Amino acid sequence: MKNKLLLLILIFAIKLSFSQDNKYLIAEINTEIFCNHCLECESCDDNIFSKIKENNNGVSYVKIDSKKNIIKVKYNSEKTNLKEIEKAIALSGYKANELEPINKAYESLDYCCKKK
């Protein structure tokens, strides 16, 4: 009887852990970063990262690849969604997939971060 009970508890725990993982999604967002020295100053990364975190409670991971122009984001789909993350990137002055950057945000970027 104890073995059956332990087995049921184990199965329930495994099922619960897998269901928790399903709410976390990973997205790769295409962007346009024109800075040629991001690895030195990281202002582009800091700007994008802070806007995403400021506007989306469910984001747990942000990785920006300025050479490939990709922003990789891991987020809790119960707290935010891809459209909201894209809006936050646009608010930071950068393109997010098909969403163009907000003009006011783009104009406030450092000169080195703008399209030449």
PDB file of N, CA and C in Angstrom:
ATOM      1  N   MET A   1       0.823  -1.199   0.000  1.00  0.00           N
ATOM      2  CA  MET A   1       0.000   0.000   0.000  1.00  0.00           C
ATOM      3  C   MET A   1       0.867   1.262   0.000  1.00  0.00           C
ATOM      4  N   LYS A   2       1.948   1.241   0.825  1.00  0.00           N
ATOM      5  CA  LYS A   2       2.855   2.391   0.881  1.00  0.00           C
ATOM      6  C   LYS A   2       3.513   2.637  -0.469  1.00  0.00           C
ATOM      7  N   ASN A   3       3.894   1.544  -1.135  1.00  0.00           N
ATOM      8  CA  ASN A   3       4.542   1.675  -2.432  1.00  0.00           C
ATOM      9  C   ASN A   3       3.617   2.315  -3.463  1.00  0.00           C
ATOM     10  N   LYS A   4       2.344   1.918  -3.444  1.00  0.00           N
ATOM     11  CA  LYS A   4       1.373   2.497  -4.384  1.00  0.00           C
ATOM     12  C   LYS A   4       1.173   3.978  -4.103  1.00  0.00           C
ATOM     13  N   LEU A   5       1.112   4.331  -2.842  1.00  0.00           N
ATOM     14  CA  LEU A   5       0.934   5.728  -2.465  1.00  0.00           C
ATOM     15  C   LEU A   5       2.149   6.556  -2.884  1.00  0.00           C
ATOM     16  N   LEU A   6       3.341   6.040  -2.644  1.00  0.00           N
ATOM     17  CA  LEU A   6       4.559   6.738  -3.055  1.00  0.00           C
ATOM     18  C   LEU A   6       4.632   6.885  -4.571  1.00  0.00           C
ATOM     19  N   LEU A   7       4.233   5.843  -5.288  1.00  0.00           N
ATOM     20  CA  LEU A   7       4.220   5.888  -6.738  1.00  0.00           C
ATOM     21  C   LEU A   7       3.251   6.956  -7.241  1.00  0.00           C
ATOM     22  N   LEU A   8       2.063   7.029  -6.655  1.00  0.00           N
ATOM     23  CA  LEU A   8       1.086   8.043  -7.039  1.00  0.00           C
ATOM     24  C   LEU A   8       1.606   9.452  -6.756  1.00  0.00           C
ATOM     25  N   ILE A   9       2.248   9.636  -5.617  1.00  0.00           N
ATOM     26  CA  ILE A   9       2.810  10.949  -5.277  1.00  0.00           C
ATOM     27  C   ILE A   9       3.918  11.316  -6.267  1.00  0.00           C
ATOM     28  N   LEU A  10       4.757  10.369  -6.611  1.00  0.00           N
ATOM     29  CA  LEU A  10       5.834  10.603  -7.569  1.00  0.00           C
ATOM     30  C   LEU A  10       5.275  10.979  -8.941  1.00  0.00           C
ATOM     31  N   ILE A  11       4.296  10.244  -9.407  1.00  0.00           N
ATOM     32  CA  ILE A  11       3.669  10.543 -10.707  1.00  0.00           C
ATOM     33  C   ILE A  11       3.058  11.934 -10.686  1.00  0.00           C
ATOM     34  N   PHE A  12       2.356  12.270  -9.619  1.00  0.00           N
ATOM     35  CA  PHE A  12       1.743  13.588  -9.499  1.00  0.00           C
ATOM     36  C   PHE A  12       2.807  14.691  -9.511  1.00  0.00           C
ATOM     37  N   ALA A  13       3.897  14.485  -8.800  1.00  0.00           N
ATOM     38  CA  ALA A  13       4.972  15.480  -8.734  1.00  0.00           C
ATOM     39  C   ALA A  13       5.612  15.682 -10.104  1.00  0.00           C
ATOM     40  N   ILE A  14       5.845  14.596 -10.829  1.00  0.00           N
ATOM     41  CA  ILE A  14       6.428  14.698 -12.165  1.00  0.00           C
ATOM     42  C   ILE A  14       5.479  15.428 -13.104  1.00  0.00           C
ATOM     43  N   LYS A  15       4.197  15.077 -13.054  1.00  0.00           N
ATOM     44  CA  LYS A  15       3.209  15.729 -13.911  1.00  0.00           C
ATOM     45  C   LYS A  15       3.117  17.227 -13.598  1.00  0.00           C
ATOM     46  N   LEU A  16       3.164  17.569 -12.337  1.00  0.00           N
ATOM     47  CA  LEU A  16       3.101  18.965 -11.921  1.00  0.00           C
ATOM     48  C   LEU A  16       4.317  19.731 -12.417  1.00  0.00           C
ATOM     49  N   SER A  17       5.487  19.136 -12.332  1.00  0.00           N
ATOM     50  CA  SER A  17       6.702  19.832 -12.779  1.00  0.00           C
ATOM     51  C   SER A  17       6.684  20.051 -14.285  1.00  0.00           C
ATOM     52  N   PHE A  18       6.174  19.084 -15.052  1.00  0.00           N
ATOM     53  CA  PHE A  18       6.085  19.276 -16.494  1.00  0.00           C
ATOM     54  C   PHE A  18       5.046  20.315 -16.860  1.00  0.00           C
ATOM     55  N   SER A  19       3.953  20.378 -16.153  1.00  0.00           N
ATOM     56  CA  SER A  19       2.924  21.373 -16.457  1.00  0.00           C
ATOM     57  C   SER A  19       3.420  22.773 -16.151  1.00  0.00           C
ATOM     58  N   GLN A  20       4.293  22.929 -15.162  1.00  0.00           N
ATOM     59  CA  GLN A  20       4.873  24.227 -14.846  1.00  0.00           C
ATOM     60  C   GLN A  20       5.782  24.695 -15.977  1.00  0.00           C
ATOM     61  N   ASP A  21       6.518  23.790 -16.600  1.00  0.00           N
ATOM     62  CA  ASP A  21       7.431  24.153 -17.677  1.00  0.00           C
ATOM     63  C   ASP A  21       6.688  24.594 -18.931  1.00  0.00           C
ATOM     64  N   ASN A  22       5.494  24.103 -19.160  1.00  0.00           N
ATOM     65  CA  ASN A  22       4.760  24.417 -20.374  1.00  0.00           C
ATOM     66  C   ASN A  22       4.349  25.875 -20.459  1.00  0.00           C
ATOM     67  N   LYS A  23       4.293  26.565 -19.340  1.00  0.00           N
ATOM     68  CA  LYS A  23       3.892  27.962 -19.378  1.00  0.00           C
ATOM     69  C   LYS A  23       5.047  28.871 -19.775  1.00  0.00           C
ATOM     70  N   TYR A  24       6.279  28.350 -19.748  1.00  0.00           N
ATOM     71  CA  TYR A  24       7.439  29.131 -20.157  1.00  0.00           C
ATOM     72  C   TYR A  24       7.736  28.889 -21.632  1.00  0.00           C
ATOM     73  N   LEU A  25       7.788  29.972 -22.383  1.00  0.00           N
ATOM     74  CA  LEU A  25       8.054  29.898 -23.811  1.00  0.00           C
ATOM     75  C   LEU A  25       9.335  30.657 -24.127  1.00  0.00           C
ATOM     76  N   ILE A  26       9.984  30.259 -25.206  1.00  0.00           N
ATOM     77  CA  ILE A  26      11.184  30.950 -25.679  1.00  0.00           C
ATOM     78  C   ILE A  26      10.887  31.493 -27.067  1.00  0.00           C
ATOM     79  N   ALA A  27      11.186  32.776 -27.252  1.00  0.00           N
ATOM     80  CA  ALA A  27      10.948  33.415 -28.544  1.00  0.00           C
ATOM     81  C   ALA A  27      12.242  34.036 -29.047  1.00  0.00           C
ATOM     82  N   GLU A  28      12.442  33.970 -30.356  1.00  0.00           N
ATOM     83  CA  GLU A  28      13.537  34.686 -30.996  1.00  0.00           C
ATOM     84  C   GLU A  28      12.915  35.816 -31.800  1.00  0.00           C
ATOM     85  N   ILE A  29      13.283  37.033 -31.448  1.00  0.00           N
ATOM     86  CA  ILE A  29      12.703  38.224 -32.051  1.00  0.00           C
ATOM     87  C   ILE A  29      13.753  38.869 -32.947  1.00  0.00           C
ATOM     88  N   ASN A  30      13.400  39.087 -34.196  1.00  0.00           N
ATOM     89  CA  ASN A  30      14.302  39.754 -35.126  1.00  0.00           C
ATOM     90  C   ASN A  30      14.280  41.254 -34.850  1.00  0.00           C
ATOM     91  N   THR A  31      15.445  41.862 -34.905  1.00  0.00           N
ATOM     92  CA  THR A  31      15.563  43.286 -34.639  1.00  0.00           C
ATOM     93  C   THR A  31      16.586  43.895 -35.588  1.00  0.00           C
ATOM     94  N   GLU A  32      16.860  45.177 -35.425  1.00  0.00           N
ATOM     95  CA  GLU A  32      17.907  45.853 -36.191  1.00  0.00           C
ATOM     96  C   GLU A  32      18.724  46.688 -35.220  1.00  0.00           C
ATOM     97  N   ILE A  33      19.942  46.239 -34.954  1.00  0.00           N
ATOM     98  CA  ILE A  33      20.858  46.973 -34.096  1.00  0.00           C
ATOM     99  C   ILE A  33      22.012  47.423 -34.985  1.00  0.00           C
ATOM    100  N   PHE A  34      22.202  48.722 -35.065  1.00  0.00           N
ATOM    101  CA  PHE A  34      23.193  49.266 -35.993  1.00  0.00           C
ATOM    102  C   PHE A  34      24.509  49.635 -35.316  1.00  0.00           C
ATOM    103  N   CYS A  35      24.569  49.492 -34.020  1.00  0.00           N
ATOM    104  CA  CYS A  35      25.768  49.853 -33.257  1.00  0.00           C
ATOM    105  C   CYS A  35      26.899  48.891 -33.607  1.00  0.00           C
ATOM    106  N   ASN A  36      28.078  49.435 -33.850  1.00  0.00           N
ATOM    107  CA  ASN A  36      29.206  48.569 -34.201  1.00  0.00           C
ATOM    108  C   ASN A  36      30.143  48.335 -33.012  1.00  0.00           C
ATOM    109  N   HIS A  37      29.744  48.800 -31.847  1.00  0.00           N
ATOM    110  CA  HIS A  37      30.600  48.603 -30.673  1.00  0.00           C
ATOM    111  C   HIS A  37      29.790  48.187 -29.439  1.00  0.00           C
ATOM    112  N   CYS A  38      28.719  47.437 -29.647  1.00  0.00           N
ATOM    113  CA  CYS A  38      27.854  47.016 -28.541  1.00  0.00           C
ATOM    114  C   CYS A  38      28.604  46.228 -27.469  1.00  0.00           C
ATOM    115  N   LEU A  39      29.577  45.461 -27.875  1.00  0.00           N
ATOM    116  CA  LEU A  39      30.308  44.670 -26.890  1.00  0.00           C
ATOM    117  C   LEU A  39      31.144  45.545 -25.968  1.00  0.00           C
ATOM    118  N   GLU A  40      31.484  46.750 -26.417  1.00  0.00           N
ATOM    119  CA  GLU A  40      32.279  47.661 -25.592  1.00  0.00           C
ATOM    120  C   GLU A  40      31.411  48.432 -24.598  1.00  0.00           C
ATOM    121  N   CYS A  41      30.334  49.054 -25.077  1.00  0.00           N
ATOM    122  CA  CYS A  41      29.560  49.928 -24.181  1.00  0.00           C
ATOM    123  C   CYS A  41      28.270  49.278 -23.670  1.00  0.00           C
ATOM    124  N   GLU A  42      27.701  48.369 -24.414  1.00  0.00           N
ATOM    125  CA  GLU A  42      26.483  47.642 -24.039  1.00  0.00           C
ATOM    126  C   GLU A  42      25.263  48.533 -23.814  1.00  0.00           C
ATOM    127  N   SER A  43      25.261  49.756 -24.321  1.00  0.00           N
ATOM    128  CA  SER A  43      24.099  50.632 -24.111  1.00  0.00           C
ATOM    129  C   SER A  43      22.858  50.094 -24.820  1.00  0.00           C
ATOM    130  N   CYS A  44      23.018  49.480 -25.978  1.00  0.00           N
ATOM    131  CA  CYS A  44      21.874  48.901 -26.695  1.00  0.00           C
ATOM    132  C   CYS A  44      21.243  47.793 -25.846  1.00  0.00           C
ATOM    133  N   ASP A  45      22.095  46.888 -25.365  1.00  0.00           N
ATOM    134  CA  ASP A  45      21.608  45.778 -24.557  1.00  0.00           C
ATOM    135  C   ASP A  45      20.894  46.275 -23.301  1.00  0.00           C
ATOM    136  N   ASP A  46      21.523  47.214 -22.604  1.00  0.00           N
ATOM    137  CA  ASP A  46      20.932  47.733 -21.370  1.00  0.00           C
ATOM    138  C   ASP A  46      19.583  48.389 -21.630  1.00  0.00           C
ATOM    139  N   ASN A  47      19.503  49.147 -22.712  1.00  0.00           N
ATOM    140  CA  ASN A  47      18.264  49.843 -23.069  1.00  0.00           C
ATOM    141  C   ASN A  47      17.142  48.843 -23.359  1.00  0.00           C
ATOM    142  N   ILE A  48      17.415  47.861 -24.199  1.00  0.00           N
ATOM    143  CA  ILE A  48      16.410  46.858 -24.561  1.00  0.00           C
ATOM    144  C   ILE A  48      16.018  46.035 -23.329  1.00  0.00           C
ATOM    145  N   PHE A  49      17.028  45.563 -22.599  1.00  0.00           N
ATOM    146  CA  PHE A  49      16.777  44.734 -21.420  1.00  0.00           C
ATOM    147  C   PHE A  49      15.905  45.468 -20.399  1.00  0.00           C
ATOM    148  N   SER A  50      16.227  46.721 -20.115  1.00  0.00           N
ATOM    149  CA  SER A  50      15.465  47.452 -19.092  1.00  0.00           C
ATOM    150  C   SER A  50      14.021  47.700 -19.532  1.00  0.00           C
ATOM    151  N   LYS A  51      13.792  47.988 -20.808  1.00  0.00           N
ATOM    152  CA  LYS A  51      12.414  48.203 -21.288  1.00  0.00           C
ATOM    153  C   LYS A  51      11.606  46.914 -21.238  1.00  0.00           C
ATOM    154  N   ILE A  52      12.218  45.805 -21.586  1.00  0.00           N
ATOM    155  CA  ILE A  52      11.499  44.530 -21.532  1.00  0.00           C
ATOM    156  C   ILE A  52      11.119  44.216 -20.086  1.00  0.00           C
ATOM    157  N   LYS A  53      12.070  44.328 -19.171  1.00  0.00           N
ATOM    158  CA  LYS A  53      11.805  44.023 -17.762  1.00  0.00           C
ATOM    159  C   LYS A  53      10.806  45.009 -17.154  1.00  0.00           C
ATOM    160  N   GLU A  54      10.888  46.263 -17.537  1.00  0.00           N
ATOM    161  CA  GLU A  54      10.014  47.318 -17.020  1.00  0.00           C
ATOM    162  C   GLU A  54       8.560  47.101 -17.433  1.00  0.00           C
ATOM    163  N   ASN A  55       8.350  46.546 -18.614  1.00  0.00           N
ATOM    164  CA  ASN A  55       7.004  46.415 -19.173  1.00  0.00           C
ATOM    165  C   ASN A  55       6.436  45.004 -19.163  1.00  0.00           C
ATOM    166  N   ASN A  56       7.196  44.031 -18.690  1.00  0.00           N
ATOM    167  CA  ASN A  56       6.749  42.629 -18.725  1.00  0.00           C
ATOM    168  C   ASN A  56       7.206  41.894 -17.489  1.00  0.00           C
ATOM    169  N   ASN A  57       6.288  41.591 -16.579  1.00  0.00           N
ATOM    170  CA  ASN A  57       6.629  40.883 -15.349  1.00  0.00           C
ATOM    171  C   ASN A  57       7.052  39.442 -15.591  1.00  0.00           C
ATOM    172  N   GLY A  58       6.588  38.828 -16.654  1.00  0.00           N
ATOM    173  CA  GLY A  58       6.816  37.407 -16.855  1.00  0.00           C
ATOM    174  C   GLY A  58       8.090  37.031 -17.569  1.00  0.00           C
ATOM    175  N   VAL A  59       8.961  37.989 -17.871  1.00  0.00           N
ATOM    176  CA  VAL A  59      10.192  37.677 -18.600  1.00  0.00           C
ATOM    177  C   VAL A  59      11.277  37.255 -17.618  1.00  0.00           C
ATOM    178  N   SER A  60      11.866  36.084 -17.877  1.00  0.00           N
ATOM    179  CA  SER A  60      12.895  35.575 -16.966  1.00  0.00           C
ATOM    180  C   SER A  60      14.289  35.570 -17.585  1.00  0.00           C
ATOM    181  N   TYR A  61      14.380  35.751 -18.910  1.00  0.00           N
ATOM    182  CA  TYR A  61      15.678  35.665 -19.578  1.00  0.00           C
ATOM    183  C   TYR A  61      15.650  36.504 -20.846  1.00  0.00           C
ATOM    184  N   VAL A  62      16.691  37.306 -21.044  1.00  0.00           N
ATOM    185  CA  VAL A  62      16.839  38.083 -22.270  1.00  0.00           C
ATOM    186  C   VAL A  62      18.288  37.953 -22.723  1.00  0.00           C
ATOM    187  N   LYS A  63      18.491  37.543 -23.962  1.00  0.00           N
ATOM    188  CA  LYS A  63      19.831  37.451 -24.543  1.00  0.00           C
ATOM    189  C   LYS A  63      19.806  38.173 -25.872  1.00  0.00           C
ATOM    190  N   ILE A  64      20.686  39.139 -26.028  1.00  0.00           N
ATOM    191  CA  ILE A  64      20.712  39.945 -27.245  1.00  0.00           C
ATOM    192  C   ILE A  64      21.965  39.605 -28.037  1.00  0.00           C
ATOM    193  N   ASP A  65      21.755  39.198 -29.279  1.00  0.00           N
ATOM    194  CA  ASP A  65      22.859  38.911 -30.188  1.00  0.00           C
ATOM    195  C   ASP A  65      22.880  40.027 -31.225  1.00  0.00           C
ATOM    196  N   SER A  66      23.724  41.035 -31.003  1.00  0.00           N
ATOM    197  CA  SER A  66      23.747  42.200 -31.883  1.00  0.00           C
ATOM    198  C   SER A  66      24.359  41.896 -33.249  1.00  0.00           C
ATOM    199  N   LYS A  67      25.143  40.851 -33.347  1.00  0.00           N
ATOM    200  CA  LYS A  67      25.718  40.480 -34.643  1.00  0.00           C
ATOM    201  C   LYS A  67      24.676  39.823 -35.547  1.00  0.00           C
ATOM    202  N   LYS A  68      23.822  38.992 -34.955  1.00  0.00           N
ATOM    203  CA  LYS A  68      22.776  38.312 -35.724  1.00  0.00           C
ATOM    204  C   LYS A  68      21.461  39.082 -35.725  1.00  0.00           C
ATOM    205  N   ASN A  69      21.381  40.171 -34.938  1.00  0.00           N
ATOM    206  CA  ASN A  69      20.159  40.970 -34.802  1.00  0.00           C
ATOM    207  C   ASN A  69      18.983  40.132 -34.316  1.00  0.00           C
ATOM    208  N   ILE A  70      19.237  39.388 -33.244  1.00  0.00           N
ATOM    209  CA  ILE A  70      18.204  38.538 -32.645  1.00  0.00           C
ATOM    210  C   ILE A  70      18.167  38.784 -31.140  1.00  0.00           C
ATOM    211  N   ILE A  71      16.963  38.895 -30.608  1.00  0.00           N
ATOM    212  CA  ILE A  71      16.758  38.980 -29.171  1.00  0.00           C
ATOM    213  C   ILE A  71      16.035  37.709 -28.753  1.00  0.00           C
ATOM    214  N   LYS A  72      16.662  36.936 -27.895  1.00  0.00           N
ATOM    215  CA  LYS A  72      16.071  35.687 -27.410  1.00  0.00           C
ATOM    216  C   LYS A  72      15.479  35.951 -26.032  1.00  0.00           C
ATOM    217  N   VAL A  73      14.213  35.588 -25.857  1.00  0.00           N
ATOM    218  CA  VAL A  73      13.494  35.887 -24.620  1.00  0.00           C
ATOM    219  C   VAL A  73      12.797  34.633 -24.111  1.00  0.00           C
ATOM    220  N   LYS A  74      12.938  34.372 -22.811  1.00  0.00           N
ATOM    221  CA  LYS A  74      12.171  33.307 -22.157  1.00  0.00           C
ATOM    222  C   LYS A  74      11.158  33.999 -21.264  1.00  0.00           C
ATOM    223  N   TYR A  75       9.888  33.615 -21.413  1.00  0.00           N
ATOM    224  CA  TYR A  75       8.840  34.304 -20.665  1.00  0.00           C
ATOM    225  C   TYR A  75       7.737  33.357 -20.219  1.00  0.00           C
ATOM    226  N   ASN A  76       7.046  33.792 -19.174  1.00  0.00           N
ATOM    227  CA  ASN A  76       5.917  33.060 -18.618  1.00  0.00           C
ATOM    228  C   ASN A  76       4.672  33.487 -19.402  1.00  0.00           C
ATOM    229  N   SER A  77       4.107  32.571 -20.157  1.00  0.00           N
ATOM    230  CA  SER A  77       2.969  32.902 -21.028  1.00  0.00           C
ATOM    231  C   SER A  77       1.692  33.202 -20.246  1.00  0.00           C
ATOM    232  N   GLU A  78       1.705  32.926 -18.951  1.00  0.00           N
ATOM    233  CA  GLU A  78       0.547  33.274 -18.125  1.00  0.00           C
ATOM    234  C   GLU A  78       0.627  34.713 -17.627  1.00  0.00           C
ATOM    235  N   LYS A  79       1.806  35.343 -17.752  1.00  0.00           N
ATOM    236  CA  LYS A  79       1.988  36.707 -17.258  1.00  0.00           C
ATOM    237  C   LYS A  79       2.194  37.731 -18.365  1.00  0.00           C
ATOM    238  N   THR A  80       2.669  37.301 -19.536  1.00  0.00           N
ATOM    239  CA  THR A  80       2.897  38.215 -20.648  1.00  0.00           C
ATOM    240  C   THR A  80       2.791  37.432 -21.948  1.00  0.00           C
ATOM    241  N   ASN A  81       2.977  38.114 -23.060  1.00  0.00           N
ATOM    242  CA  ASN A  81       2.916  37.444 -24.361  1.00  0.00           C
ATOM    243  C   ASN A  81       3.904  38.101 -25.319  1.00  0.00           C
ATOM    244  N   LEU A  82       4.069  37.494 -26.468  1.00  0.00           N
ATOM    245  CA  LEU A  82       5.053  37.962 -27.441  1.00  0.00           C
ATOM    246  C   LEU A  82       4.758  39.380 -27.906  1.00  0.00           C
ATOM    247  N   LYS A  83       3.509  39.711 -28.132  1.00  0.00           N
ATOM    248  CA  LYS A  83       3.147  41.071 -28.592  1.00  0.00           C
ATOM    249  C   LYS A  83       3.572  42.133 -27.584  1.00  0.00           C
ATOM    250  N   GLU A  84       3.385  41.861 -26.296  1.00  0.00           N
ATOM    251  CA  GLU A  84       3.778  42.819 -25.258  1.00  0.00           C
ATOM    252  C   GLU A  84       5.300  42.979 -25.197  1.00  0.00           C
ATOM    253  N   ILE A  85       6.012  41.897 -25.404  1.00  0.00           N
ATOM    254  CA  ILE A  85       7.474  41.955 -25.412  1.00  0.00           C
ATOM    255  C   ILE A  85       7.949  42.751 -26.628  1.00  0.00           C
ATOM    256  N   GLU A  86       7.329  42.517 -27.775  1.00  0.00           N
ATOM    257  CA  GLU A  86       7.668  43.280 -28.978  1.00  0.00           C
ATOM    258  C   GLU A  86       7.410  44.778 -28.770  1.00  0.00           C
ATOM    259  N   LYS A  87       6.305  45.119 -28.117  1.00  0.00           N
ATOM    260  CA  LYS A  87       6.008  46.531 -27.836  1.00  0.00           C
ATOM    261  C   LYS A  87       7.090  47.153 -26.968  1.00  0.00           C
ATOM    262  N   ALA A  88       7.559  46.413 -25.973  1.00  0.00           N
ATOM    263  CA  ALA A  88       8.610  46.924 -25.087  1.00  0.00           C
ATOM    264  C   ALA A  88       9.903  47.184 -25.858  1.00  0.00           C
ATOM    265  N   ILE A  89      10.231  46.297 -26.787  1.00  0.00           N
ATOM    266  CA  ILE A  89      11.433  46.492 -27.611  1.00  0.00           C
ATOM    267  C   ILE A  89      11.261  47.731 -28.484  1.00  0.00           C
ATOM    268  N   ALA A  90      10.085  47.900 -29.084  1.00  0.00           N
ATOM    269  CA  ALA A  90       9.811  49.089 -29.899  1.00  0.00           C
ATOM    270  C   ALA A  90       9.890  50.357 -29.051  1.00  0.00           C
ATOM    271  N   LEU A  91       9.456  50.274 -27.803  1.00  0.00           N
ATOM    272  CA  LEU A  91       9.547  51.418 -26.886  1.00  0.00           C
ATOM    273  C   LEU A  91      10.992  51.762 -26.537  1.00  0.00           C
ATOM    274  N   SER A  92      11.894  50.802 -26.701  1.00  0.00           N
ATOM    275  CA  SER A  92      13.301  51.070 -26.436  1.00  0.00           C
ATOM    276  C   SER A  92      13.998  51.665 -27.657  1.00  0.00           C
ATOM    277  N   GLY A  93      13.274  51.763 -28.794  1.00  0.00           N
ATOM    278  CA  GLY A  93      13.839  52.381 -29.992  1.00  0.00           C
ATOM    279  C   GLY A  93      14.320  51.422 -31.048  1.00  0.00           C
ATOM    280  N   TYR A  94      13.971  50.154 -30.911  1.00  0.00           N
ATOM    281  CA  TYR A  94      14.444  49.134 -31.848  1.00  0.00           C
ATOM    282  C   TYR A  94      13.266  48.387 -32.471  1.00  0.00           C
ATOM    283  N   LYS A  95      13.498  47.882 -33.660  1.00  0.00           N
ATOM    284  CA  LYS A  95      12.496  47.081 -34.354  1.00  0.00           C
ATOM    285  C   LYS A  95      12.356  45.732 -33.652  1.00  0.00           C
ATOM    286  N   ALA A  96      11.117  45.208 -33.632  1.00  0.00           N
ATOM    287  CA  ALA A  96      10.856  43.902 -33.039  1.00  0.00           C
ATOM    288  C   ALA A  96       9.978  43.117 -34.004  1.00  0.00           C
ATOM    289  N   ASN A  97      10.583  42.175 -34.712  1.00  0.00           N
ATOM    290  CA  ASN A  97       9.916  41.448 -35.788  1.00  0.00           C
ATOM    291  C   ASN A  97       9.356  42.460 -36.777  1.00  0.00           C
ATOM    292  N   GLU A  98       8.066  42.516 -36.979  1.00  0.00           N
ATOM    293  CA  GLU A  98       7.479  43.450 -37.945  1.00  0.00           C
ATOM    294  C   GLU A  98       7.109  44.799 -37.330  1.00  0.00           C
ATOM    295  N   LEU A  99       7.229  44.917 -36.011  1.00  0.00           N
ATOM    296  CA  LEU A  99       6.857  46.146 -35.314  1.00  0.00           C
ATOM    297  C   LEU A  99       8.014  47.146 -35.373  1.00  0.00           C
ATOM    298  N   GLU A 100       7.745  48.294 -35.968  1.00  0.00           N
ATOM    299  CA  GLU A 100       8.763  49.333 -36.105  1.00  0.00           C
ATOM    300  C   GLU A 100       9.014  50.014 -34.758  1.00  0.00           C
ATOM    301  N   PRO A 101      10.219  50.584 -34.572  1.00  0.00           N
ATOM    302  CA  PRO A 101      10.504  51.274 -33.305  1.00  0.00           C
ATOM    303  C   PRO A 101       9.645  52.526 -33.153  1.00  0.00           C
ATOM    304  N   ILE A 102       9.372  52.899 -31.919  1.00  0.00           N
ATOM    305  CA  ILE A 102       8.658  54.138 -31.626  1.00  0.00           C
ATOM    306  C   ILE A 102       9.606  55.290 -31.957  1.00  0.00           C
ATOM    307  N   ASN A 103       9.137  56.241 -32.787  1.00  0.00           N
ATOM    308  CA  ASN A 103      10.004  57.325 -33.263  1.00  0.00           C
ATOM    309  C   ASN A 103      10.677  58.099 -32.138  1.00  0.00           C
ATOM    310  N   LYS A 104       9.928  58.465 -31.119  1.00  0.00           N
ATOM    311  CA  LYS A 104      10.496  59.241 -30.010  1.00  0.00           C
ATOM    312  C   LYS A 104      11.614  58.454 -29.323  1.00  0.00           C
ATOM    313  N   ALA A 105      11.417  57.164 -29.155  1.00  0.00           N
ATOM    314  CA  ALA A 105      12.435  56.317 -28.523  1.00  0.00           C
ATOM    315  C   ALA A 105      13.659  56.189 -29.424  1.00  0.00           C
ATOM    316  N   TYR A 106      13.429  56.014 -30.717  1.00  0.00           N
ATOM    317  CA  TYR A 106      14.537  55.894 -31.661  1.00  0.00           C
ATOM    318  C   TYR A 106      15.373  57.177 -31.676  1.00  0.00           C
ATOM    319  N   GLU A 107      14.700  58.320 -31.680  1.00  0.00           N
ATOM    320  CA  GLU A 107      15.405  59.600 -31.710  1.00  0.00           C
ATOM    321  C   GLU A 107      16.233  59.827 -30.452  1.00  0.00           C
ATOM    322  N   SER A 108      15.855  59.222 -29.348  1.00  0.00           N
ATOM    323  CA  SER A 108      16.594  59.408 -28.098  1.00  0.00           C
ATOM    324  C   SER A 108      17.804  58.476 -27.965  1.00  0.00           C
ATOM    325  N   LEU A 109      17.957  57.546 -28.917  1.00  0.00           N
ATOM    326  CA  LEU A 109      19.121  56.653 -28.873  1.00  0.00           C
ATOM    327  C   LEU A 109      20.416  57.444 -29.117  1.00  0.00           C
ATOM    328  N   ASP A 110      21.526  56.941 -28.616  1.00  0.00           N
ATOM    329  CA  ASP A 110      22.825  57.525 -28.918  1.00  0.00           C
ATOM    330  C   ASP A 110      23.035  57.471 -30.423  1.00  0.00           C
ATOM    331  N   TYR A 111      23.809  58.424 -30.950  1.00  0.00           N
ATOM    332  CA  TYR A 111      24.056  58.481 -32.386  1.00  0.00           C
ATOM    333  C   TYR A 111      24.623  57.163 -32.918  1.00  0.00           C
ATOM    334  N   CYS A 112      25.501  56.559 -32.135  1.00  0.00           N
ATOM    335  CA  CYS A 112      26.156  55.329 -32.581  1.00  0.00           C
ATOM    336  C   CYS A 112      25.187  54.155 -32.708  1.00  0.00           C
ATOM    337  N   CYS A 113      24.009  54.272 -32.099  1.00  0.00           N
ATOM    338  CA  CYS A 113      23.026  53.182 -32.128  1.00  0.00           C
ATOM    339  C   CYS A 113      22.017  53.321 -33.265  1.00  0.00           C
ATOM    340  N   LYS A 114      22.114  54.397 -34.026  1.00  0.00           N
ATOM    341  CA  LYS A 114      21.148  54.651 -35.104  1.00  0.00           C
ATOM    342  C   LYS A 114      21.695  54.203 -36.450  1.00  0.00           C
ATOM    343  N   LYS A 115      20.775  53.984 -37.379  1.00  0.00           N
ATOM    344  CA  LYS A 115      21.149  53.584 -38.750  1.00  0.00           C
ATOM    345  C   LYS A 115      21.925  54.725 -39.389  1.00  0.00           C
ATOM    346  N   LYS A 116      23.036  54.392 -40.013  1.00  0.00           N
ATOM    347  CA  LYS A 116      23.863  55.419 -40.659  1.00  0.00           C
ATOM    348  C   LYS A 116      23.507  55.559 -42.108  1.00  0.00           C
TER     349      LYS A 116
END
